[in-house]
Amino acid sequence: MKRKKRFFAVSVMAFLIVSMFLSTNVLAEEITIKGEVNDNYQIVTEDGQIYEVAGNDKGDEMVLNNVGKIVTITGTIEESDEGNKIVTVISYEVEDVEDVE
C-alpha cells in the first residue's frame, strides 16, 4: 500500500513539474496584428503600439524581406521584464499597396 501512495505522489509531482515548463506555451493565445515592419525588428501598428519581433525562422524571414511594408501577422505575445511586447510570428501576409491618386 505504501508503494502505491509513493508512486502516486511521484506521479503527481512529475506532472506538476512538466506542467510548469509547458504552461507558457499552453497559455499563449494566438493574436493577429497589422503594422509596418521596421529595420529594428519591430512591428509598429497604426495606433503607435510597438511589438518587438522574436527571432525565429518566420520572424526573421518576415523582417528581412519586408522592411517598410505593411504586414498582417498571426503570432503569440509575451511581455518582457521591461514591459516590451514581444511577438513570436507564426504566419504573416504582406498587404498589397494600392496607388491612391
PDB file of N, CA and C in Angstrom:
ATOM      1  N   MET A   1       0.817  -1.189   0.000  1.00  0.00           N
ATOM      2  CA  MET A   1       0.000   0.000   0.000  1.00  0.00           C
ATOM      3  C   MET A   1       0.865   1.258   0.000  1.00  0.00           C
ATOM      4  N   LYS A   2       1.962   1.243   0.778  1.00  0.00           N
ATOM      5  CA  LYS A   2       2.849   2.398   0.807  1.00  0.00           C
ATOM      6  C   LYS A   2       3.456   2.647  -0.575  1.00  0.00           C
ATOM      7  N   ARG A   3       3.717   1.565  -1.274  1.00  0.00           N
ATOM      8  CA  ARG A   3       4.320   1.683  -2.589  1.00  0.00           C
ATOM      9  C   ARG A   3       3.384   2.409  -3.559  1.00  0.00           C
ATOM     10  N   LYS A   4       2.076   2.139  -3.492  1.00  0.00           N
ATOM     11  CA  LYS A   4       1.098   2.789  -4.354  1.00  0.00           C
ATOM     12  C   LYS A   4       1.007   4.274  -4.031  1.00  0.00           C
ATOM     13  N   LYS A   5       1.025   4.623  -2.752  1.00  0.00           N
ATOM     14  CA  LYS A   5       0.956   6.029  -2.349  1.00  0.00           C
ATOM     15  C   LYS A   5       2.200   6.777  -2.829  1.00  0.00           C
ATOM     16  N   ARG A   6       3.342   6.161  -2.683  1.00  0.00           N
ATOM     17  CA  ARG A   6       4.586   6.789  -3.112  1.00  0.00           C
ATOM     18  C   ARG A   6       4.588   6.989  -4.635  1.00  0.00           C
ATOM     19  N   PHE A   7       4.157   5.969  -5.363  1.00  0.00           N
ATOM     20  CA  PHE A   7       4.081   6.079  -6.817  1.00  0.00           C
ATOM     21  C   PHE A   7       3.129   7.205  -7.220  1.00  0.00           C
ATOM     22  N   PHE A   8       1.990   7.291  -6.559  1.00  0.00           N
ATOM     23  CA  PHE A   8       1.013   8.337  -6.850  1.00  0.00           C
ATOM     24  C   PHE A   8       1.619   9.722  -6.571  1.00  0.00           C
ATOM     25  N   ALA A   9       2.286   9.877  -5.457  1.00  0.00           N
ATOM     26  CA  ALA A   9       2.892  11.164  -5.097  1.00  0.00           C
ATOM     27  C   ALA A   9       3.964  11.565  -6.116  1.00  0.00           C
ATOM     28  N   VAL A  10       4.794  10.629  -6.514  1.00  0.00           N
ATOM     29  CA  VAL A  10       5.837  10.920  -7.501  1.00  0.00           C
ATOM     30  C   VAL A  10       5.201  11.268  -8.847  1.00  0.00           C
ATOM     31  N   SER A  11       4.151  10.582  -9.218  1.00  0.00           N
ATOM     32  CA  SER A  11       3.458  10.860 -10.480  1.00  0.00           C
ATOM     33  C   SER A  11       2.865  12.263 -10.483  1.00  0.00           C
ATOM     34  N   VAL A  12       2.240  12.652  -9.397  1.00  0.00           N
ATOM     35  CA  VAL A  12       1.645  13.988  -9.296  1.00  0.00           C
ATOM     36  C   VAL A  12       2.732  15.046  -9.361  1.00  0.00           C
ATOM     37  N   MET A  13       3.828  14.847  -8.659  1.00  0.00           N
ATOM     38  CA  MET A  13       4.916  15.824  -8.682  1.00  0.00           C
ATOM     39  C   MET A  13       5.511  15.941 -10.087  1.00  0.00           C
ATOM     40  N   ALA A  14       5.703  14.833 -10.765  1.00  0.00           N
ATOM     41  CA  ALA A  14       6.247  14.865 -12.124  1.00  0.00           C
ATOM     42  C   ALA A  14       5.298  15.612 -13.058  1.00  0.00           C
ATOM     43  N   PHE A  15       3.999  15.380 -12.925  1.00  0.00           N
ATOM     44  CA  PHE A  15       3.010  16.079 -13.736  1.00  0.00           C
ATOM     45  C   PHE A  15       3.061  17.580 -13.489  1.00  0.00           C
ATOM     46  N   LEU A  16       3.170  17.990 -12.233  1.00  0.00           N
ATOM     47  CA  LEU A  16       3.222  19.415 -11.910  1.00  0.00           C
ATOM     48  C   LEU A  16       4.477  20.081 -12.475  1.00  0.00           C
ATOM     49  N   ILE A  17       5.598  19.399 -12.407  1.00  0.00           N
ATOM     50  CA  ILE A  17       6.842  19.956 -12.934  1.00  0.00           C
ATOM     51  C   ILE A  17       6.757  20.116 -14.448  1.00  0.00           C
ATOM     52  N   VAL A  18       6.265  19.105 -15.135  1.00  0.00           N
ATOM     53  CA  VAL A  18       6.116  19.186 -16.589  1.00  0.00           C
ATOM     54  C   VAL A  18       5.124  20.290 -16.943  1.00  0.00           C
ATOM     55  N   SER A  19       4.053  20.420 -16.209  1.00  0.00           N
ATOM     56  CA  SER A  19       3.058  21.460 -16.471  1.00  0.00           C
ATOM     57  C   SER A  19       3.650  22.853 -16.341  1.00  0.00           C
ATOM     58  N   MET A  20       4.528  23.063 -15.368  1.00  0.00           N
ATOM     59  CA  MET A  20       5.153  24.370 -15.202  1.00  0.00           C
ATOM     60  C   MET A  20       5.987  24.736 -16.424  1.00  0.00           C
ATOM     61  N   PHE A  21       6.726  23.775 -16.962  1.00  0.00           N
ATOM     62  CA  PHE A  21       7.568  24.052 -18.121  1.00  0.00           C
ATOM     63  C   PHE A  21       6.742  24.312 -19.376  1.00  0.00           C
ATOM     64  N   LEU A  22       5.610  23.689 -19.488  1.00  0.00           N
ATOM     65  CA  LEU A  22       4.781  23.843 -20.680  1.00  0.00           C
ATOM     66  C   LEU A  22       3.732  24.933 -20.554  1.00  0.00           C
ATOM     67  N   SER A  23       3.550  25.494 -19.390  1.00  0.00           N
ATOM     68  CA  SER A  23       2.442  26.427 -19.158  1.00  0.00           C
ATOM     69  C   SER A  23       2.512  27.665 -20.029  1.00  0.00           C
ATOM     70  N   THR A  24       3.693  28.204 -20.301  1.00  0.00           N
ATOM     71  CA  THR A  24       3.770  29.410 -21.120  1.00  0.00           C
ATOM     72  C   THR A  24       3.298  29.135 -22.539  1.00  0.00           C
ATOM     73  N   ASN A  25       3.604  27.982 -23.092  1.00  0.00           N
ATOM     74  CA  ASN A  25       3.139  27.658 -24.436  1.00  0.00           C
ATOM     75  C   ASN A  25       1.661  27.337 -24.450  1.00  0.00           C
ATOM     76  N   VAL A  26       1.172  26.695 -23.438  1.00  0.00           N
ATOM     77  CA  VAL A  26      -0.232  26.342 -23.380  1.00  0.00           C
ATOM     78  C   VAL A  26      -1.083  27.588 -23.181  1.00  0.00           C
ATOM     79  N   LEU A  27      -0.629  28.525 -22.371  1.00  0.00           N
ATOM     80  CA  LEU A  27      -1.409  29.713 -22.069  1.00  0.00           C
ATOM     81  C   LEU A  27      -1.290  30.788 -23.139  1.00  0.00           C
ATOM     82  N   ALA A  28      -0.302  30.697 -24.001  1.00  0.00           N
ATOM     83  CA  ALA A  28      -0.115  31.709 -25.029  1.00  0.00           C
ATOM     84  C   ALA A  28      -1.270  31.642 -26.020  1.00  0.00           C
ATOM     85  N   GLU A  29      -1.875  32.798 -26.264  1.00  0.00           N
ATOM     86  CA  GLU A  29      -3.017  32.878 -27.157  1.00  0.00           C
ATOM     87  C   GLU A  29      -2.587  33.502 -28.471  1.00  0.00           C
ATOM     88  N   GLU A  30      -3.038  32.929 -29.570  1.00  0.00           N
ATOM     89  CA  GLU A  30      -2.719  33.487 -30.873  1.00  0.00           C
ATOM     90  C   GLU A  30      -3.510  34.769 -31.096  1.00  0.00           C
ATOM     91  N   ILE A  31      -2.838  35.776 -31.631  1.00  0.00           N
ATOM     92  CA  ILE A  31      -3.497  37.031 -31.964  1.00  0.00           C
ATOM     93  C   ILE A  31      -3.082  37.427 -33.379  1.00  0.00           C
ATOM     94  N   THR A  32      -3.794  38.382 -33.942  1.00  0.00           N
ATOM     95  CA  THR A  32      -3.459  38.927 -35.247  1.00  0.00           C
ATOM     96  C   THR A  32      -3.250  40.419 -35.087  1.00  0.00           C
ATOM     97  N   ILE A  33      -2.133  40.919 -35.610  1.00  0.00           N
ATOM     98  CA  ILE A  33      -1.870  42.360 -35.587  1.00  0.00           C
ATOM     99  C   ILE A  33      -1.434  42.805 -36.981  1.00  0.00           C
ATOM    100  N   LYS A  34      -1.666  44.082 -37.265  1.00  0.00           N
ATOM    101  CA  LYS A  34      -1.299  44.653 -38.559  1.00  0.00           C
ATOM    102  C   LYS A  34      -0.451  45.887 -38.304  1.00  0.00           C
ATOM    103  N   GLY A  35       0.663  45.981 -39.002  1.00  0.00           N
ATOM    104  CA  GLY A  35       1.515  47.141 -38.821  1.00  0.00           C
ATOM    105  C   GLY A  35       2.660  47.150 -39.810  1.00  0.00           C
ATOM    106  N   GLU A  36       3.498  48.180 -39.675  1.00  0.00           N
ATOM    107  CA  GLU A  36       4.636  48.349 -40.566  1.00  0.00           C
ATOM    108  C   GLU A  36       5.877  47.723 -39.946  1.00  0.00           C
ATOM    109  N   VAL A  37       6.624  47.009 -40.772  1.00  0.00           N
ATOM    110  CA  VAL A  37       7.877  46.373 -40.348  1.00  0.00           C
ATOM    111  C   VAL A  37       8.982  47.420 -40.437  1.00  0.00           C
ATOM    112  N   ASN A  38       9.793  47.538 -39.373  1.00  0.00           N
ATOM    113  CA  ASN A  38      10.954  48.427 -39.468  1.00  0.00           C
ATOM    114  C   ASN A  38      12.246  47.622 -39.323  1.00  0.00           C
ATOM    115  N   ASP A  39      13.367  48.275 -39.534  1.00  0.00           N
ATOM    116  CA  ASP A  39      14.639  47.557 -39.513  1.00  0.00           C
ATOM    117  C   ASP A  39      15.212  47.361 -38.111  1.00  0.00           C
ATOM    118  N   ASN A  40      14.411  47.655 -37.097  1.00  0.00           N
ATOM    119  CA  ASN A  40      14.798  47.392 -35.709  1.00  0.00           C
ATOM    120  C   ASN A  40      14.139  46.125 -35.171  1.00  0.00           C
ATOM    121  N   TYR A  41      13.677  45.260 -36.094  1.00  0.00           N
ATOM    122  CA  TYR A  41      12.966  44.025 -35.715  1.00  0.00           C
ATOM    123  C   TYR A  41      11.704  44.350 -34.918  1.00  0.00           C
ATOM    124  N   GLN A  42      10.914  45.293 -35.442  1.00  0.00           N
ATOM    125  CA  GLN A  42       9.690  45.717 -34.785  1.00  0.00           C
ATOM    126  C   GLN A  42       8.551  45.817 -35.790  1.00  0.00           C
ATOM    127  N   ILE A  43       7.343  45.689 -35.258  1.00  0.00           N
ATOM    128  CA  ILE A  43       6.112  45.984 -35.982  1.00  0.00           C
ATOM    129  C   ILE A  43       5.506  47.185 -35.271  1.00  0.00           C
ATOM    130  N   VAL A  44       5.145  48.220 -36.033  1.00  0.00           N
ATOM    131  CA  VAL A  44       4.509  49.405 -35.459  1.00  0.00           C
ATOM    132  C   VAL A  44       3.101  49.484 -36.040  1.00  0.00           C
ATOM    133  N   THR A  45       2.094  49.408 -35.155  1.00  0.00           N
ATOM    134  CA  THR A  45       0.707  49.441 -35.598  1.00  0.00           C
ATOM    135  C   THR A  45       0.261  50.878 -35.861  1.00  0.00           C
ATOM    136  N   GLU A  46      -0.916  51.029 -36.463  1.00  0.00           N
ATOM    137  CA  GLU A  46      -1.451  52.359 -36.771  1.00  0.00           C
ATOM    138  C   GLU A  46      -1.603  53.228 -35.530  1.00  0.00           C
ATOM    139  N   ASP A  47      -1.922  52.609 -34.398  1.00  0.00           N
ATOM    140  CA  ASP A  47      -2.109  53.388 -33.159  1.00  0.00           C
ATOM    141  C   ASP A  47      -0.794  53.610 -32.405  1.00  0.00           C
ATOM    142  N   GLY A  48       0.336  53.231 -33.022  1.00  0.00           N
ATOM    143  CA  GLY A  48       1.642  53.508 -32.425  1.00  0.00           C
ATOM    144  C   GLY A  48       2.179  52.434 -31.498  1.00  0.00           C
ATOM    145  N   GLN A  49       1.439  51.343 -31.314  1.00  0.00           N
ATOM    146  CA  GLN A  49       1.910  50.241 -30.464  1.00  0.00           C
ATOM    147  C   GLN A  49       3.098  49.566 -31.149  1.00  0.00           C
ATOM    148  N   ILE A  50       4.152  49.337 -30.394  1.00  0.00           N
ATOM    149  CA  ILE A  50       5.353  48.705 -30.936  1.00  0.00           C
ATOM    150  C   ILE A  50       5.461  47.287 -30.387  1.00  0.00           C
ATOM    151  N   TYR A  51       5.665  46.349 -31.302  1.00  0.00           N
ATOM    152  CA  TYR A  51       5.878  44.950 -30.954  1.00  0.00           C
ATOM    153  C   TYR A  51       7.269  44.557 -31.415  1.00  0.00           C
ATOM    154  N   GLU A  52       8.078  44.051 -30.504  1.00  0.00           N
ATOM    155  CA  GLU A  52       9.383  43.507 -30.860  1.00  0.00           C
ATOM    156  C   GLU A  52       9.134  42.146 -31.513  1.00  0.00           C
ATOM    157  N   VAL A  53       9.854  41.834 -32.581  1.00  0.00           N
ATOM    158  CA  VAL A  53       9.696  40.556 -33.271  1.00  0.00           C
ATOM    159  C   VAL A  53      10.717  39.567 -32.710  1.00  0.00           C
ATOM    160  N   ALA A  54      10.220  38.453 -32.189  1.00  0.00           N
ATOM    161  CA  ALA A  54      11.101  37.411 -31.649  1.00  0.00           C
ATOM    162  C   ALA A  54      11.877  36.774 -32.789  1.00  0.00           C
ATOM    163  N   GLY A  55      13.096  36.404 -32.523  1.00  0.00           N
ATOM    164  CA  GLY A  55      13.950  35.798 -33.539  1.00  0.00           C
ATOM    165  C   GLY A  55      13.655  34.323 -33.713  1.00  0.00           C
ATOM    166  N   ASN A  56      12.753  34.007 -34.629  1.00  0.00           N
ATOM    167  CA  ASN A  56      12.541  32.626 -35.053  1.00  0.00           C
ATOM    168  C   ASN A  56      12.555  32.628 -36.576  1.00  0.00           C
ATOM    169  N   ASP A  57      12.431  31.484 -37.218  1.00  0.00           N
ATOM    170  CA  ASP A  57      12.547  31.420 -38.675  1.00  0.00           C
ATOM    171  C   ASP A  57      11.539  32.329 -39.370  1.00  0.00           C
ATOM    172  N   LYS A  58      10.266  32.256 -38.975  1.00  0.00           N
ATOM    173  CA  LYS A  58       9.228  33.081 -39.608  1.00  0.00           C
ATOM    174  C   LYS A  58       9.447  34.558 -39.324  1.00  0.00           C
ATOM    175  N   GLY A  59       9.800  34.900 -38.106  1.00  0.00           N
ATOM    176  CA  GLY A  59      10.027  36.298 -37.760  1.00  0.00           C
ATOM    177  C   GLY A  59      11.208  36.883 -38.520  1.00  0.00           C
ATOM    178  N   ASP A  60      12.293  36.125 -38.608  1.00  0.00           N
ATOM    179  CA  ASP A  60      13.465  36.579 -39.353  1.00  0.00           C
ATOM    180  C   ASP A  60      13.120  36.786 -40.828  1.00  0.00           C
ATOM    181  N   GLU A  61      12.427  35.819 -41.404  1.00  0.00           N
ATOM    182  CA  GLU A  61      12.032  35.905 -42.817  1.00  0.00           C
ATOM    183  C   GLU A  61      11.153  37.132 -43.052  1.00  0.00           C
ATOM    184  N   MET A  62      10.178  37.341 -42.166  1.00  0.00           N
ATOM    185  CA  MET A  62       9.256  38.455 -42.324  1.00  0.00           C
ATOM    186  C   MET A  62       9.990  39.791 -42.269  1.00  0.00           C
ATOM    187  N   VAL A  63      10.851  39.974 -41.286  1.00  0.00           N
ATOM    188  CA  VAL A  63      11.552  41.249 -41.132  1.00  0.00           C
ATOM    189  C   VAL A  63      12.532  41.473 -42.284  1.00  0.00           C
ATOM    190  N   LEU A  64      13.364  40.500 -42.576  1.00  0.00           N
ATOM    191  CA  LEU A  64      14.413  40.682 -43.575  1.00  0.00           C
ATOM    192  C   LEU A  64      13.866  40.959 -44.973  1.00  0.00           C
ATOM    193  N   ASN A  65      12.679  40.437 -45.286  1.00  0.00           N
ATOM    194  CA  ASN A  65      12.119  40.598 -46.626  1.00  0.00           C
ATOM    195  C   ASN A  65      11.082  41.701 -46.752  1.00  0.00           C
ATOM    196  N   ASN A  66      10.715  42.368 -45.643  1.00  0.00           N
ATOM    197  CA  ASN A  66       9.564  43.272 -45.710  1.00  0.00           C
ATOM    198  C   ASN A  66       9.729  44.585 -44.955  1.00  0.00           C
ATOM    199  N   VAL A  67      10.944  45.052 -44.765  1.00  0.00           N
ATOM    200  CA  VAL A  67      11.150  46.333 -44.077  1.00  0.00           C
ATOM    201  C   VAL A  67      10.432  47.430 -44.862  1.00  0.00           C
ATOM    202  N   GLY A  68       9.646  48.235 -44.147  1.00  0.00           N
ATOM    203  CA  GLY A  68       8.905  49.329 -44.753  1.00  0.00           C
ATOM    204  C   GLY A  68       7.543  48.935 -45.293  1.00  0.00           C
ATOM    205  N   LYS A  69       7.209  47.656 -45.242  1.00  0.00           N
ATOM    206  CA  LYS A  69       5.926  47.182 -45.759  1.00  0.00           C
ATOM    207  C   LYS A  69       4.940  46.964 -44.618  1.00  0.00           C
ATOM    208  N   ILE A  70       3.647  46.970 -44.973  1.00  0.00           N
ATOM    209  CA  ILE A  70       2.586  46.673 -44.013  1.00  0.00           C
ATOM    210  C   ILE A  70       2.318  45.172 -44.073  1.00  0.00           C
ATOM    211  N   VAL A  71       2.304  44.542 -42.913  1.00  0.00           N
ATOM    212  CA  VAL A  71       2.046  43.107 -42.822  1.00  0.00           C
ATOM    213  C   VAL A  71       0.953  42.842 -41.795  1.00  0.00           C
ATOM    214  N   THR A  72       0.268  41.749 -41.999  1.00  0.00           N
ATOM    215  CA  THR A  72      -0.660  41.235 -41.001  1.00  0.00           C
ATOM    216  C   THR A  72      -0.058  39.934 -40.509  1.00  0.00           C
ATOM    217  N   ILE A  73       0.195  39.858 -39.196  1.00  0.00           N
ATOM    218  CA  ILE A  73       0.832  38.659 -38.661  1.00  0.00           C
ATOM    219  C   ILE A  73      -0.071  37.979 -37.650  1.00  0.00           C
ATOM    220  N   THR A  74       0.067  36.680 -37.598  1.00  0.00           N
ATOM    221  CA  THR A  74      -0.550  35.872 -36.558  1.00  0.00           C
ATOM    222  C   THR A  74       0.589  35.356 -35.710  1.00  0.00           C
ATOM    223  N   GLY A  75       0.438  35.496 -34.399  1.00  0.00           N
ATOM    224  CA  GLY A  75       1.500  35.060 -33.510  1.00  0.00           C
ATOM    225  C   GLY A  75       1.063  35.066 -32.067  1.00  0.00           C
ATOM    226  N   THR A  76       2.013  34.846 -31.201  1.00  0.00           N
ATOM    227  CA  THR A  76       1.749  34.882 -29.763  1.00  0.00           C
ATOM    228  C   THR A  76       2.531  36.042 -29.158  1.00  0.00           C
ATOM    229  N   ILE A  77       1.965  36.636 -28.109  1.00  0.00           N
ATOM    230  CA  ILE A  77       2.557  37.803 -27.468  1.00  0.00           C
ATOM    231  C   ILE A  77       3.044  37.435 -26.069  1.00  0.00           C
ATOM    232  N   GLU A  78       4.215  37.907 -25.749  1.00  0.00           N
ATOM    233  CA  GLU A  78       4.747  37.828 -24.392  1.00  0.00           C
ATOM    234  C   GLU A  78       5.183  39.223 -23.994  1.00  0.00           C
ATOM    235  N   GLU A  79       5.285  39.469 -22.709  1.00  0.00           N
ATOM    236  CA  GLU A  79       5.774  40.762 -22.246  1.00  0.00           C
ATOM    237  C   GLU A  79       7.102  40.563 -21.540  1.00  0.00           C
ATOM    238  N   SER A  80       8.093  41.378 -21.902  1.00  0.00           N
ATOM    239  CA  SER A  80       9.410  41.267 -21.283  1.00  0.00           C
ATOM    240  C   SER A  80       9.374  41.891 -19.891  1.00  0.00           C
ATOM    241  N   ASP A  81      10.444  41.689 -19.146  1.00  0.00           N
ATOM    242  CA  ASP A  81      10.551  42.273 -17.811  1.00  0.00           C
ATOM    243  C   ASP A  81      10.510  43.797 -17.860  1.00  0.00           C
ATOM    244  N   GLU A  82      10.951  44.365 -18.995  1.00  0.00           N
ATOM    245  CA  GLU A  82      10.952  45.820 -19.152  1.00  0.00           C
ATOM    246  C   GLU A  82       9.596  46.346 -19.624  1.00  0.00           C
ATOM    247  N   GLY A  83       8.652  45.458 -19.900  1.00  0.00           N
ATOM    248  CA  GLY A  83       7.327  45.872 -20.339  1.00  0.00           C
ATOM    249  C   GLY A  83       7.152  45.919 -21.844  1.00  0.00           C
ATOM    250  N   ASN A  84       8.168  45.497 -22.605  1.00  0.00           N
ATOM    251  CA  ASN A  84       8.051  45.460 -24.062  1.00  0.00           C
ATOM    252  C   ASN A  84       7.203  44.271 -24.485  1.00  0.00           C
ATOM    253  N   LYS A  85       6.396  44.466 -25.539  1.00  0.00           N
ATOM    254  CA  LYS A  85       5.604  43.369 -26.081  1.00  0.00           C
ATOM    255  C   LYS A  85       6.422  42.688 -27.172  1.00  0.00           C
ATOM    256  N   ILE A  86       6.543  41.367 -27.048  1.00  0.00           N
ATOM    257  CA  ILE A  86       7.331  40.581 -27.982  1.00  0.00           C
ATOM    258  C   ILE A  86       6.393  39.617 -28.688  1.00  0.00           C
ATOM    259  N   VAL A  87       6.380  39.666 -30.022  1.00  0.00           N
ATOM    260  CA  VAL A  87       5.522  38.787 -30.802  1.00  0.00           C
ATOM    261  C   VAL A  87       6.364  37.707 -31.461  1.00  0.00           C
ATOM    262  N   THR A  88       5.918  36.473 -31.299  1.00  0.00           N
ATOM    263  CA  THR A  88       6.523  35.344 -31.986  1.00  0.00           C
ATOM    264  C   THR A  88       5.655  35.065 -33.199  1.00  0.00           C
ATOM    265  N   VAL A  89       6.207  35.255 -34.380  1.00  0.00           N
ATOM    266  CA  VAL A  89       5.444  35.140 -35.623  1.00  0.00           C
ATOM    267  C   VAL A  89       5.196  33.676 -35.956  1.00  0.00           C
ATOM    268  N   ILE A  90       3.920  33.357 -36.177  1.00  0.00           N
ATOM    269  CA  ILE A  90       3.533  32.020 -36.636  1.00  0.00           C
ATOM    270  C   ILE A  90       3.329  32.057 -38.150  1.00  0.00           C
ATOM    271  N   SER A  91       2.635  33.098 -38.610  1.00  0.00           N
ATOM    272  CA  SER A  91       2.427  33.285 -40.046  1.00  0.00           C
ATOM    273  C   SER A  91       2.256  34.767 -40.313  1.00  0.00           C
ATOM    274  N   TYR A  92       2.400  35.149 -41.582  1.00  0.00           N
ATOM    275  CA  TYR A  92       2.225  36.557 -41.934  1.00  0.00           C
ATOM    276  C   TYR A  92       1.807  36.690 -43.388  1.00  0.00           C
ATOM    277  N   GLU A  93       1.195  37.829 -43.708  1.00  0.00           N
ATOM    278  CA  GLU A  93       0.840  38.184 -45.073  1.00  0.00           C
ATOM    279  C   GLU A  93       1.254  39.620 -45.301  1.00  0.00           C
ATOM    280  N   VAL A  94       1.835  39.887 -46.458  1.00  0.00           N
ATOM    281  CA  VAL A  94       2.200  41.248 -46.828  1.00  0.00           C
ATOM    282  C   VAL A  94       0.978  41.875 -47.481  1.00  0.00           C
ATOM    283  N   GLU A  95       0.615  43.085 -47.027  1.00  0.00           N
ATOM    284  CA  GLU A  95      -0.538  43.782 -47.565  1.00  0.00           C
ATOM    285  C   GLU A  95      -0.200  44.364 -48.930  1.00  0.00           C
ATOM    286  N   ASP A  96      -1.153  44.311 -49.844  1.00  0.00           N
ATOM    287  CA  ASP A  96      -0.990  44.950 -51.148  1.00  0.00           C
ATOM    288  C   ASP A  96      -1.119  46.444 -50.963  1.00  0.00           C
ATOM    289  N   VAL A  97      -0.215  47.188 -51.570  1.00  0.00           N
ATOM    290  CA  VAL A  97      -0.257  48.635 -51.503  1.00  0.00           C
ATOM    291  C   VAL A  97      -0.799  49.142 -52.838  1.00  0.00           C
ATOM    292  N   GLU A  98      -1.950  49.814 -52.775  1.00  0.00           N
ATOM    293  CA  GLU A  98      -2.554  50.351 -53.983  1.00  0.00           C
ATOM    294  C   GLU A  98      -2.208  51.826 -54.090  1.00  0.00           C
ATOM    295  N   ASP A  99      -1.897  52.257 -55.289  1.00  0.00           N
ATOM    296  CA  ASP A  99      -1.614  53.672 -55.518  1.00  0.00           C
ATOM    297  C   ASP A  99      -2.904  54.458 -55.406  1.00  0.00           C
ATOM    298  N   VAL A 100      -2.917  55.448 -54.544  1.00  0.00           N
ATOM    299  CA  VAL A 100      -4.082  56.303 -54.369  1.00  0.00           C
ATOM    300  C   VAL A 100      -3.756  57.651 -54.965  1.00  0.00           C
ATOM    301  N   GLU A 101      -4.484  58.026 -56.022  1.00  0.00           N
ATOM    302  CA  GLU A 101      -4.229  59.317 -56.680  1.00  0.00           C
ATOM    303  C   GLU A 101      -5.488  60.091 -56.799  1.00  0.00           C
TER     304      GLU A 101
END
